[in-house]
């Protein structure tokens, strides 16, 4: 992919992030009804994977770093609060609010880790192509159409991945 930010199409100046993506058809989520372990095994068997490199400008790189740091701080802070709240012998009744706050902080850290910090989200992966979500429209519009020798991509078609497939 070109050396431009996938979030805003600004020059990435060599800042690249290698991402290992995996995806399976959404219908496989129904297997969760049979049990979480059954779903995990099925998802590992049927998943498609790809490795891509995406460019990031300084602004989005710093923004991502800050979000990851906030996620870690919330997670570690929630664990510290849980430890304090768990030592009930030392907690007066006035501090019973620690458990809900610790739980909220832990959930917030997971949301930041799983959702907010993601850059390129696979919409579909097959043997040759990767379709990506959360990519800036100007970035996609600036790419040549599929079949062109440089970077076979446009807003409607996939681009090559590092594993010989393509990413979009």
N, C-alpha and C. Protein backbone atom coordinates (compact mmCIF):
# COMPACT_ATOMS: atom_id res chain seq x y z
N UNK A 1 0.84 -1.17 0.00
CA UNK A 1 0.00 0.00 0.00
C UNK A 1 0.89 1.24 0.00
N UNK A 2 0.36 2.34 -0.48
CA UNK A 2 1.16 3.57 -0.55
C UNK A 2 1.55 4.10 0.83
N UNK A 3 2.55 4.97 0.83
CA UNK A 3 3.06 5.52 2.08
C UNK A 3 2.22 6.74 2.50
N UNK A 4 0.93 6.48 2.72
CA UNK A 4 0.00 7.52 3.17
C UNK A 4 -0.83 6.95 4.31
N UNK A 5 -1.33 7.84 5.14
CA UNK A 5 -2.14 7.44 6.28
C UNK A 5 -3.48 6.89 5.82
N UNK A 6 -3.85 5.73 6.34
CA UNK A 6 -5.13 5.12 5.97
C UNK A 6 -6.31 5.81 6.64
N UNK A 7 -6.05 6.68 7.62
CA UNK A 7 -7.12 7.37 8.34
C UNK A 7 -7.44 8.74 7.75
N UNK A 8 -6.43 9.42 7.15
CA UNK A 8 -6.68 10.77 6.64
C UNK A 8 -6.04 11.04 5.28
N UNK A 9 -5.28 10.10 4.74
CA UNK A 9 -4.61 10.20 3.45
C UNK A 9 -3.43 11.17 3.47
N UNK A 10 -2.98 11.61 4.64
CA UNK A 10 -1.79 12.47 4.74
C UNK A 10 -0.55 11.60 4.55
N UNK A 11 0.60 12.21 4.21
CA UNK A 11 1.83 11.43 4.08
C UNK A 11 2.17 10.70 5.39
N UNK A 12 2.55 9.45 5.28
CA UNK A 12 2.89 8.65 6.47
C UNK A 12 4.36 8.78 6.82
N UNK A 13 5.17 9.30 5.92
CA UNK A 13 6.61 9.50 6.16
C UNK A 13 7.29 8.24 6.69
N UNK A 14 6.95 7.10 6.13
CA UNK A 14 7.60 5.85 6.49
C UNK A 14 7.03 5.15 7.72
N UNK A 15 6.07 5.77 8.41
CA UNK A 15 5.45 5.11 9.58
C UNK A 15 4.50 4.04 9.07
N UNK A 16 4.86 2.80 9.30
CA UNK A 16 4.04 1.69 8.84
C UNK A 16 3.80 0.73 9.99
N UNK A 17 2.63 0.17 9.99
CA UNK A 17 2.25 -0.78 11.03
C UNK A 17 1.90 -2.09 10.32
N UNK A 18 2.51 -3.18 10.74
CA UNK A 18 2.18 -4.48 10.19
C UNK A 18 1.04 -5.06 11.01
N UNK A 19 -0.01 -5.46 10.36
CA UNK A 19 -1.19 -6.01 11.02
C UNK A 19 -1.42 -7.43 10.55
N UNK A 20 -1.65 -8.32 11.49
CA UNK A 20 -2.07 -9.69 11.18
C UNK A 20 -3.57 -9.74 11.41
N UNK A 21 -4.31 -9.92 10.34
CA UNK A 21 -5.76 -9.90 10.40
C UNK A 21 -6.33 -11.30 10.27
N UNK A 22 -7.47 -11.53 10.89
CA UNK A 22 -8.18 -12.79 10.68
C UNK A 22 -9.67 -12.47 10.59
N UNK A 23 -10.39 -13.31 9.87
CA UNK A 23 -11.81 -13.08 9.62
C UNK A 23 -12.46 -14.43 9.33
N UNK A 24 -13.71 -14.55 9.69
CA UNK A 24 -14.51 -15.70 9.27
C UNK A 24 -15.90 -15.19 8.91
N UNK A 25 -16.64 -15.92 8.08
CA UNK A 25 -17.98 -15.47 7.71
C UNK A 25 -18.84 -15.26 8.96
N UNK A 26 -19.62 -14.18 8.99
CA UNK A 26 -20.42 -13.85 10.17
C UNK A 26 -21.39 -14.95 10.60
N UNK A 27 -21.83 -15.80 9.70
CA UNK A 27 -22.75 -16.87 10.07
C UNK A 27 -22.16 -17.80 11.13
N UNK A 28 -20.85 -17.87 11.20
CA UNK A 28 -20.21 -18.73 12.19
C UNK A 28 -20.43 -18.25 13.62
N UNK A 29 -20.87 -17.01 13.81
CA UNK A 29 -21.19 -16.54 15.16
C UNK A 29 -22.37 -17.31 15.76
N UNK A 30 -23.19 -17.89 14.92
CA UNK A 30 -24.31 -18.69 15.42
C UNK A 30 -23.84 -19.92 16.19
N UNK A 31 -22.62 -20.36 15.95
CA UNK A 31 -22.07 -21.53 16.64
C UNK A 31 -21.91 -21.24 18.13
N UNK A 32 -21.87 -19.95 18.51
CA UNK A 32 -21.80 -19.60 19.94
C UNK A 32 -22.97 -20.21 20.70
N UNK A 33 -24.10 -20.37 20.03
CA UNK A 33 -25.27 -20.97 20.68
C UNK A 33 -24.99 -22.40 21.13
N UNK A 34 -24.04 -23.07 20.47
CA UNK A 34 -23.67 -24.43 20.85
C UNK A 34 -22.66 -24.43 22.00
N UNK A 35 -22.10 -23.28 22.29
CA UNK A 35 -21.13 -23.18 23.37
C UNK A 35 -19.94 -22.35 22.93
N UNK A 36 -19.38 -21.61 23.85
CA UNK A 36 -18.26 -20.72 23.54
C UNK A 36 -17.03 -21.50 23.08
N UNK A 37 -16.71 -22.61 23.73
CA UNK A 37 -15.55 -23.41 23.34
C UNK A 37 -15.73 -23.98 21.93
N UNK A 38 -16.93 -24.43 21.61
CA UNK A 38 -17.21 -24.96 20.27
C UNK A 38 -17.00 -23.85 19.23
N UNK A 39 -17.49 -22.64 19.54
CA UNK A 39 -17.32 -21.52 18.62
C UNK A 39 -15.84 -21.19 18.42
N UNK A 40 -15.08 -21.12 19.51
CA UNK A 40 -13.66 -20.77 19.40
C UNK A 40 -12.93 -21.78 18.52
N UNK A 41 -13.19 -23.05 18.71
CA UNK A 41 -12.55 -24.09 17.88
C UNK A 41 -12.98 -23.95 16.43
N UNK A 42 -14.27 -23.76 16.19
CA UNK A 42 -14.76 -23.61 14.82
C UNK A 42 -14.18 -22.37 14.15
N UNK A 43 -14.13 -21.25 14.89
CA UNK A 43 -13.59 -20.02 14.32
C UNK A 43 -12.11 -20.16 13.97
N UNK A 44 -11.36 -20.86 14.80
CA UNK A 44 -9.94 -21.08 14.50
C UNK A 44 -9.75 -21.94 13.26
N UNK A 45 -10.68 -22.86 13.04
CA UNK A 45 -10.57 -23.76 11.88
C UNK A 45 -10.96 -23.05 10.59
N UNK A 46 -12.03 -22.26 10.61
CA UNK A 46 -12.56 -21.68 9.37
C UNK A 46 -12.04 -20.28 9.07
N UNK A 47 -11.27 -19.69 9.94
CA UNK A 47 -10.83 -18.31 9.73
C UNK A 47 -9.89 -18.19 8.54
N UNK A 48 -9.91 -17.00 7.97
CA UNK A 48 -8.97 -16.64 6.91
C UNK A 48 -8.05 -15.58 7.51
N UNK A 49 -6.78 -15.63 7.19
CA UNK A 49 -5.82 -14.68 7.75
C UNK A 49 -5.07 -13.95 6.65
N UNK A 50 -4.56 -12.78 6.98
CA UNK A 50 -3.75 -11.99 6.05
C UNK A 50 -2.83 -11.10 6.87
N UNK A 51 -1.72 -10.74 6.28
CA UNK A 51 -0.76 -9.83 6.89
C UNK A 51 -0.63 -8.63 5.96
N UNK A 52 -0.86 -7.43 6.49
CA UNK A 52 -0.78 -6.22 5.69
C UNK A 52 0.06 -5.18 6.41
N UNK A 53 0.54 -4.20 5.66
CA UNK A 53 1.23 -3.05 6.24
C UNK A 53 0.41 -1.82 5.89
N UNK A 54 0.11 -1.01 6.92
CA UNK A 54 -0.66 0.20 6.68
C UNK A 54 0.15 1.40 7.13
N UNK A 55 -0.01 2.51 6.41
CA UNK A 55 0.68 3.74 6.76
C UNK A 55 -0.14 4.56 7.74
N UNK A 56 0.58 5.31 8.59
CA UNK A 56 -0.08 6.19 9.56
C UNK A 56 0.69 7.51 9.62
N UNK A 57 -0.04 8.62 9.60
CA UNK A 57 0.60 9.92 9.77
C UNK A 57 0.97 10.11 11.24
N UNK A 58 1.73 11.16 11.52
CA UNK A 58 2.18 11.41 12.89
C UNK A 58 0.99 11.64 13.83
N UNK A 59 -0.01 12.39 13.36
CA UNK A 59 -1.18 12.69 14.19
C UNK A 59 -1.90 11.42 14.62
N UNK A 60 -2.20 10.54 13.67
CA UNK A 60 -2.93 9.32 14.00
C UNK A 60 -2.07 8.30 14.74
N UNK A 61 -0.77 8.32 14.50
CA UNK A 61 0.13 7.45 15.24
C UNK A 61 0.17 7.85 16.72
N UNK A 62 0.28 9.15 16.97
CA UNK A 62 0.28 9.65 18.35
C UNK A 62 -1.08 9.41 19.02
N UNK A 63 -2.14 9.64 18.27
CA UNK A 63 -3.49 9.41 18.80
C UNK A 63 -3.67 7.95 19.21
N UNK A 64 -3.19 7.04 18.39
CA UNK A 64 -3.30 5.61 18.69
C UNK A 64 -2.49 5.26 19.94
N UNK A 65 -1.26 5.81 20.03
CA UNK A 65 -0.42 5.56 21.20
C UNK A 65 -1.09 6.05 22.48
N UNK A 66 -1.68 7.23 22.42
CA UNK A 66 -2.37 7.77 23.61
C UNK A 66 -3.55 6.90 24.01
N UNK A 67 -4.31 6.45 23.04
CA UNK A 67 -5.47 5.60 23.34
C UNK A 67 -5.03 4.28 23.97
N UNK A 68 -3.97 3.71 23.46
CA UNK A 68 -3.46 2.47 24.04
C UNK A 68 -2.99 2.71 25.47
N UNK A 69 -2.31 3.83 25.71
CA UNK A 69 -1.84 4.15 27.06
C UNK A 69 -3.02 4.34 28.01
N UNK A 70 -4.07 5.03 27.57
CA UNK A 70 -5.26 5.21 28.40
C UNK A 70 -5.90 3.86 28.71
N UNK A 71 -5.97 2.99 27.71
CA UNK A 71 -6.53 1.65 27.93
C UNK A 71 -5.76 0.87 28.98
N UNK A 72 -4.42 0.91 28.90
CA UNK A 72 -3.59 0.23 29.89
C UNK A 72 -3.77 0.83 31.28
N UNK A 73 -3.79 2.16 31.36
CA UNK A 73 -3.95 2.81 32.67
C UNK A 73 -5.31 2.47 33.29
N UNK A 74 -6.36 2.48 32.48
CA UNK A 74 -7.68 2.10 33.00
C UNK A 74 -7.68 0.64 33.47
N UNK A 75 -7.08 -0.24 32.69
CA UNK A 75 -7.04 -1.65 33.06
C UNK A 75 -6.27 -1.89 34.34
N UNK A 76 -5.09 -1.30 34.44
CA UNK A 76 -4.28 -1.47 35.65
C UNK A 76 -4.93 -0.79 36.85
N UNK A 77 -5.53 0.38 36.62
CA UNK A 77 -6.23 1.07 37.71
C UNK A 77 -7.42 0.27 38.22
N UNK A 78 -8.13 -0.39 37.29
CA UNK A 78 -9.28 -1.20 37.71
C UNK A 78 -8.82 -2.40 38.54
N UNK A 79 -7.70 -2.99 38.18
CA UNK A 79 -7.17 -4.11 38.95
C UNK A 79 -6.77 -3.64 40.36
N UNK A 80 -6.14 -2.47 40.43
CA UNK A 80 -5.76 -1.93 41.74
C UNK A 80 -7.00 -1.67 42.60
N UNK A 81 -8.05 -1.10 42.00
CA UNK A 81 -9.29 -0.86 42.75
C UNK A 81 -9.94 -2.16 43.20
N UNK A 82 -9.88 -3.19 42.34
CA UNK A 82 -10.45 -4.49 42.73
C UNK A 82 -9.70 -5.09 43.91
N UNK A 83 -8.38 -4.92 43.93
CA UNK A 83 -7.59 -5.43 45.05
C UNK A 83 -7.96 -4.70 46.34
N UNK A 84 -8.08 -3.37 46.24
CA UNK A 84 -8.46 -2.58 47.41
C UNK A 84 -9.86 -2.96 47.87
N UNK A 85 -10.80 -3.07 46.92
CA UNK A 85 -12.18 -3.41 47.27
C UNK A 85 -12.26 -4.84 47.80
N UNK A 86 -11.39 -5.71 47.36
CA UNK A 86 -11.39 -7.10 47.82
C UNK A 86 -10.90 -7.27 49.24
N UNK A 87 -10.13 -6.32 49.71
CA UNK A 87 -9.66 -6.40 51.10
C UNK A 87 -10.70 -5.71 51.99
N UNK A 88 -11.83 -6.36 52.14
CA UNK A 88 -12.99 -5.77 52.81
C UNK A 88 -12.74 -5.41 54.27
N UNK A 89 -11.78 -6.02 54.89
CA UNK A 89 -11.53 -5.74 56.31
C UNK A 89 -11.09 -4.29 56.50
N UNK A 90 -10.48 -3.71 55.47
CA UNK A 90 -9.95 -2.35 55.60
C UNK A 90 -10.84 -1.29 54.97
N UNK A 91 -11.96 -1.70 54.38
CA UNK A 91 -12.81 -0.75 53.66
C UNK A 91 -14.03 -0.39 54.48
N UNK A 92 -14.20 0.89 54.76
CA UNK A 92 -15.44 1.29 55.43
C UNK A 92 -16.61 1.22 54.46
N UNK A 93 -17.81 1.23 54.98
CA UNK A 93 -19.02 1.14 54.15
C UNK A 93 -19.08 2.25 53.11
N UNK A 94 -18.48 3.39 53.39
CA UNK A 94 -18.53 4.52 52.47
C UNK A 94 -17.80 4.24 51.16
N UNK A 95 -16.93 3.24 51.14
CA UNK A 95 -16.16 2.94 49.92
C UNK A 95 -16.69 1.74 49.14
N UNK A 96 -17.93 1.38 49.34
CA UNK A 96 -18.49 0.24 48.60
C UNK A 96 -18.67 0.55 47.12
N UNK A 97 -18.54 1.79 46.73
CA UNK A 97 -18.63 2.19 45.34
C UNK A 97 -17.41 1.74 44.52
N UNK A 98 -16.38 1.24 45.17
CA UNK A 98 -15.16 0.83 44.46
C UNK A 98 -15.41 -0.29 43.45
N UNK A 99 -16.24 -1.28 43.80
CA UNK A 99 -16.48 -2.39 42.88
C UNK A 99 -17.10 -1.93 41.56
N UNK A 100 -18.20 -1.16 41.58
CA UNK A 100 -18.78 -0.71 40.30
C UNK A 100 -17.82 0.17 39.50
N UNK A 101 -17.06 1.02 40.18
CA UNK A 101 -16.11 1.87 39.47
C UNK A 101 -15.00 1.02 38.85
N UNK A 102 -14.50 0.05 39.59
CA UNK A 102 -13.45 -0.83 39.06
C UNK A 102 -13.96 -1.62 37.86
N UNK A 103 -15.18 -2.10 37.95
CA UNK A 103 -15.76 -2.84 36.82
C UNK A 103 -15.94 -1.94 35.60
N UNK A 104 -16.43 -0.72 35.81
CA UNK A 104 -16.60 0.23 34.70
C UNK A 104 -15.26 0.57 34.05
N UNK A 105 -14.23 0.76 34.87
CA UNK A 105 -12.90 1.05 34.33
C UNK A 105 -12.36 -0.14 33.52
N UNK A 106 -12.60 -1.35 34.02
CA UNK A 106 -12.13 -2.54 33.31
C UNK A 106 -12.84 -2.68 31.96
N UNK A 107 -14.14 -2.49 31.94
CA UNK A 107 -14.90 -2.57 30.68
C UNK A 107 -14.42 -1.48 29.72
N UNK A 108 -14.20 -0.27 30.22
CA UNK A 108 -13.70 0.82 29.37
C UNK A 108 -12.33 0.47 28.78
N UNK A 109 -11.47 -0.16 29.56
CA UNK A 109 -10.15 -0.54 29.04
C UNK A 109 -10.27 -1.58 27.94
N UNK A 110 -11.21 -2.51 28.09
CA UNK A 110 -11.43 -3.51 27.04
C UNK A 110 -11.97 -2.88 25.77
N UNK A 111 -12.90 -1.95 25.92
CA UNK A 111 -13.47 -1.25 24.75
C UNK A 111 -12.38 -0.50 24.02
N UNK A 112 -11.52 0.20 24.75
CA UNK A 112 -10.43 0.93 24.12
C UNK A 112 -9.47 -0.03 23.43
N UNK A 113 -9.14 -1.12 24.09
CA UNK A 113 -8.19 -2.09 23.52
C UNK A 113 -8.75 -2.76 22.27
N UNK A 114 -10.01 -3.13 22.30
CA UNK A 114 -10.57 -3.93 21.21
C UNK A 114 -11.14 -3.08 20.09
N UNK A 115 -11.77 -1.98 20.41
CA UNK A 115 -12.50 -1.23 19.38
C UNK A 115 -11.80 0.06 18.99
N UNK A 116 -11.49 0.91 19.94
CA UNK A 116 -10.99 2.25 19.64
C UNK A 116 -9.61 2.23 19.01
N UNK A 117 -8.74 1.33 19.41
CA UNK A 117 -7.37 1.31 18.91
C UNK A 117 -7.21 0.60 17.58
N UNK A 118 -8.26 0.01 17.07
CA UNK A 118 -8.16 -0.71 15.79
C UNK A 118 -8.02 0.27 14.64
N UNK A 119 -7.18 -0.08 13.68
CA UNK A 119 -6.97 0.79 12.53
C UNK A 119 -7.65 0.25 11.28
N UNK A 120 -7.31 -0.94 10.91
CA UNK A 120 -7.86 -1.56 9.72
C UNK A 120 -8.66 -2.79 10.17
N UNK A 121 -9.93 -2.79 9.85
CA UNK A 121 -10.81 -3.86 10.28
C UNK A 121 -11.18 -4.70 9.06
N UNK A 122 -10.92 -6.00 9.09
CA UNK A 122 -11.27 -6.81 7.92
C UNK A 122 -12.78 -6.97 7.78
N UNK A 123 -13.28 -6.70 6.57
CA UNK A 123 -14.69 -6.92 6.27
C UNK A 123 -14.86 -8.30 5.63
N UNK A 124 -13.79 -8.77 5.01
CA UNK A 124 -13.79 -10.09 4.37
C UNK A 124 -12.37 -10.42 3.98
N UNK A 125 -12.02 -11.70 4.04
CA UNK A 125 -10.70 -12.17 3.58
C UNK A 125 -10.93 -13.46 2.82
N UNK A 126 -10.30 -13.58 1.65
CA UNK A 126 -10.30 -14.86 0.94
C UNK A 126 -8.85 -15.21 0.62
N UNK A 127 -8.63 -16.17 -0.28
CA UNK A 127 -7.27 -16.63 -0.55
C UNK A 127 -6.39 -15.55 -1.19
N UNK A 128 -7.01 -14.60 -1.88
CA UNK A 128 -6.23 -13.63 -2.64
C UNK A 128 -6.43 -12.18 -2.21
N UNK A 129 -7.53 -11.87 -1.53
CA UNK A 129 -7.86 -10.48 -1.25
C UNK A 129 -8.30 -10.28 0.19
N UNK A 130 -8.12 -9.03 0.65
CA UNK A 130 -8.61 -8.60 1.95
C UNK A 130 -9.40 -7.33 1.73
N UNK A 131 -10.63 -7.30 2.21
CA UNK A 131 -11.46 -6.11 2.15
C UNK A 131 -11.44 -5.47 3.53
N UNK A 132 -11.09 -4.17 3.59
CA UNK A 132 -10.94 -3.50 4.86
C UNK A 132 -12.00 -2.43 5.07
N UNK A 133 -12.38 -2.25 6.34
CA UNK A 133 -13.25 -1.15 6.75
C UNK A 133 -12.38 -0.15 7.51
N UNK A 134 -12.93 1.03 7.77
CA UNK A 134 -12.26 2.09 8.52
C UNK A 134 -11.07 2.68 7.77
N UNK A 135 -11.12 2.66 6.45
CA UNK A 135 -10.09 3.27 5.62
C UNK A 135 -10.67 4.54 5.02
N UNK A 136 -9.90 5.64 5.07
CA UNK A 136 -10.39 6.93 4.58
C UNK A 136 -10.71 6.86 3.09
N UNK A 137 -11.84 7.46 2.70
CA UNK A 137 -12.30 7.41 1.31
C UNK A 137 -11.30 8.06 0.36
N UNK A 138 -10.64 9.16 0.76
CA UNK A 138 -9.66 9.81 -0.11
C UNK A 138 -8.46 8.89 -0.37
N UNK A 139 -8.08 8.10 0.63
CA UNK A 139 -6.99 7.13 0.46
C UNK A 139 -7.39 6.12 -0.61
N UNK A 140 -8.59 5.59 -0.51
CA UNK A 140 -9.06 4.59 -1.47
C UNK A 140 -9.25 5.20 -2.86
N UNK A 141 -9.78 6.41 -2.93
CA UNK A 141 -10.01 7.06 -4.22
C UNK A 141 -8.73 7.34 -4.97
N UNK A 142 -7.63 7.53 -4.25
CA UNK A 142 -6.36 7.87 -4.89
C UNK A 142 -5.64 6.66 -5.46
N UNK A 143 -6.12 5.48 -5.19
CA UNK A 143 -5.45 4.26 -5.66
C UNK A 143 -5.91 3.90 -7.06
N UNK A 144 -5.02 3.29 -7.85
CA UNK A 144 -5.40 2.89 -9.20
C UNK A 144 -6.40 1.73 -9.17
N UNK A 145 -7.17 1.54 -10.25
CA UNK A 145 -8.15 0.45 -10.29
C UNK A 145 -7.49 -0.92 -10.27
N UNK A 146 -8.26 -1.92 -9.88
CA UNK A 146 -7.78 -3.30 -9.85
C UNK A 146 -7.32 -3.70 -11.25
N UNK A 147 -6.21 -4.39 -11.31
CA UNK A 147 -5.65 -4.82 -12.59
C UNK A 147 -4.48 -3.95 -13.02
N UNK A 148 -4.32 -2.77 -12.43
CA UNK A 148 -3.19 -1.91 -12.77
C UNK A 148 -1.95 -2.49 -12.10
N UNK A 149 -0.77 -2.37 -12.71
CA UNK A 149 0.42 -3.00 -12.16
C UNK A 149 0.91 -2.44 -10.82
N UNK A 150 0.71 -1.14 -10.52
CA UNK A 150 1.29 -0.55 -9.31
C UNK A 150 0.64 -1.09 -8.04
N UNK A 151 -0.51 -0.61 -7.71
CA UNK A 151 -1.25 -1.05 -6.52
C UNK A 151 -2.68 -1.32 -6.96
N UNK A 152 -3.04 -2.56 -7.23
CA UNK A 152 -4.37 -2.86 -7.79
C UNK A 152 -5.51 -2.63 -6.80
N UNK A 153 -5.92 -1.33 -6.67
CA UNK A 153 -6.99 -1.02 -5.73
C UNK A 153 -7.79 0.18 -6.18
N UNK A 154 -9.07 0.20 -5.88
CA UNK A 154 -9.88 1.42 -5.89
C UNK A 154 -10.89 1.29 -4.77
N UNK A 155 -11.86 2.17 -4.71
CA UNK A 155 -12.78 2.15 -3.57
C UNK A 155 -13.67 0.93 -3.55
N UNK A 156 -13.76 0.20 -4.64
CA UNK A 156 -14.67 -0.94 -4.70
C UNK A 156 -13.95 -2.28 -4.77
N UNK A 157 -12.63 -2.25 -4.87
CA UNK A 157 -11.90 -3.49 -5.07
C UNK A 157 -10.77 -3.63 -4.06
N UNK A 158 -10.30 -4.85 -3.81
CA UNK A 158 -9.25 -5.10 -2.83
C UNK A 158 -7.85 -4.73 -3.32
N UNK A 159 -6.89 -4.61 -2.38
CA UNK A 159 -5.48 -4.33 -2.68
C UNK A 159 -4.62 -5.49 -2.21
N UNK A 160 -3.39 -5.63 -2.72
CA UNK A 160 -2.54 -6.76 -2.34
C UNK A 160 -2.13 -6.70 -0.87
N UNK A 161 -2.05 -7.87 -0.24
CA UNK A 161 -1.53 -7.96 1.12
C UNK A 161 -0.09 -8.42 1.04
N UNK A 162 0.57 -8.54 2.19
CA UNK A 162 1.97 -8.98 2.21
C UNK A 162 2.11 -10.45 1.88
N UNK A 163 1.01 -11.20 1.98
CA UNK A 163 1.06 -12.64 1.76
C UNK A 163 0.62 -13.00 0.34
N UNK A 164 0.68 -12.06 -0.57
CA UNK A 164 0.32 -12.35 -1.95
C UNK A 164 -1.15 -12.15 -2.24
N UNK A 165 -1.93 -11.88 -1.23
CA UNK A 165 -3.35 -11.60 -1.43
C UNK A 165 -3.52 -10.11 -1.61
N UNK A 166 -4.67 -9.60 -1.21
CA UNK A 166 -4.92 -8.17 -1.38
C UNK A 166 -5.64 -7.64 -0.15
N UNK A 167 -5.56 -6.34 0.04
CA UNK A 167 -6.24 -5.70 1.17
C UNK A 167 -7.06 -4.54 0.66
N UNK A 168 -8.21 -4.32 1.22
CA UNK A 168 -9.02 -3.15 0.90
C UNK A 168 -9.68 -2.64 2.15
